[in-house]
Amino acid sequence: MNRDAETYLDARDREYAESLPAGERDTVMATVTRFRRSDSLGVGDALPELDLLALDDARPVALRSLVDGRPLVLVFGSFT
């Protein structure tokens, strides 16, 4: 596993990632190392170009389209 990714994963997330097939694991780890860095996104920074999946039909939705000039608060959590 990529050493940068190990820095950002807790033991449960690492265990889950290691259980994935190689292609999926690579995607998860690439995402973690790209977006989960303390130096890459801070309060007041511009939104990254990122698509989210809608909860009702899993269609991609651009994060930027949810803001439309308004403040946005993102709350992340683990439900495992």
Protein backbone atom coordinates (compact mmCIF):
# COMPACT_ATOMS: atom_id res chain seq x y z
CA MET A 1 0.00 0.00 0.00
CA ASN A 2 1.18 3.53 -0.77
CA ARG A 3 2.98 5.06 2.23
CA ASP A 4 1.19 8.43 1.76
CA ALA A 5 -2.17 6.67 1.95
CA GLU A 6 -1.17 4.85 5.13
CA THR A 7 -0.70 8.23 6.81
CA TYR A 8 -4.35 9.16 6.21
CA LEU A 9 -6.11 5.89 6.99
CA ASP A 10 -7.08 4.63 10.39
CA ALA A 11 -6.73 0.90 11.04
CA ARG A 12 -10.35 0.05 10.14
CA ASP A 13 -10.20 1.95 6.86
CA ARG A 14 -6.86 0.37 6.02
CA GLU A 15 -8.25 -3.11 6.72
CA TYR A 16 -11.22 -2.41 4.47
CA ALA A 17 -9.04 -1.03 1.66
CA GLU A 18 -6.74 -4.04 1.81
CA SER A 19 -9.76 -6.36 1.44
CA LEU A 20 -10.76 -4.81 -1.91
CA PRO A 21 -9.78 -6.23 -5.30
CA ALA A 22 -6.62 -4.56 -6.64
CA GLY A 23 -8.37 -2.18 -9.06
CA GLU A 24 -10.86 -0.92 -6.47
CA ARG A 25 -8.14 -0.66 -3.83
CA ASP A 26 -6.01 1.43 -6.20
CA THR A 27 -8.94 3.79 -6.83
CA VAL A 28 -9.65 4.20 -3.11
CA MET A 29 -6.01 4.82 -2.30
CA ALA A 30 -5.56 7.28 -5.18
CA THR A 31 -8.58 9.23 -3.94
CA VAL A 32 -7.34 9.27 -0.35
CA THR A 33 -3.89 10.49 -1.32
CA ARG A 34 -5.28 13.11 -3.69
CA PHE A 35 -7.99 14.69 -1.54
CA ARG A 36 -7.23 13.83 2.09
CA ARG A 37 -4.23 16.01 2.76
CA SER A 38 -4.13 18.67 5.42
CA ASP A 39 -2.18 21.00 3.11
CA SER A 40 -4.48 20.77 0.09
CA LEU A 41 -7.85 22.13 1.28
CA GLY A 42 -8.62 24.61 3.99
CA VAL A 43 -11.42 26.84 5.25
CA GLY A 44 -12.29 29.39 2.58
CA ASP A 45 -10.51 27.56 -0.26
CA ALA A 46 -12.21 27.16 -3.62
CA LEU A 47 -14.11 23.92 -4.10
CA PRO A 48 -12.27 21.18 -5.92
CA GLU A 49 -13.74 19.87 -9.16
CA LEU A 50 -15.45 16.83 -7.68
CA ASP A 51 -18.54 14.80 -8.53
CA LEU A 52 -20.70 13.29 -5.80
CA LEU A 53 -23.33 10.58 -6.18
CA ALA A 54 -26.94 11.55 -5.55
CA LEU A 55 -28.50 9.46 -2.78
CA ASP A 56 -31.78 8.84 -4.57
CA ASP A 57 -30.54 7.57 -7.94
CA ALA A 58 -26.71 7.50 -7.73
CA ARG A 59 -26.32 9.93 -10.63
CA PRO A 60 -23.17 12.10 -10.55
CA VAL A 61 -23.67 15.66 -9.30
CA ALA A 62 -20.92 18.29 -9.52
CA LEU A 63 -20.11 19.57 -6.03
CA ARG A 64 -19.85 23.11 -7.42
CA SER A 65 -23.47 22.92 -8.66
CA LEU A 66 -24.72 22.50 -5.08
CA VAL A 67 -23.25 25.82 -3.94
CA ASP A 68 -24.64 28.33 -6.45
CA GLY A 69 -23.10 31.33 -4.65
CA ARG A 70 -24.10 30.16 -1.17
CA PRO A 71 -21.87 28.96 1.66
CA LEU A 72 -21.46 25.20 1.82
CA VAL A 73 -20.63 23.08 4.84
CA LEU A 74 -19.51 19.51 4.26
CA VAL A 75 -19.78 17.04 7.11
CA PHE A 76 -17.97 13.75 6.75
CA GLY A 77 -18.47 10.77 8.97
CA SER A 78 -17.96 7.08 9.13
CA PHE A 79 -20.93 4.80 9.58
CA THR A 80 -19.00 1.58 9.90
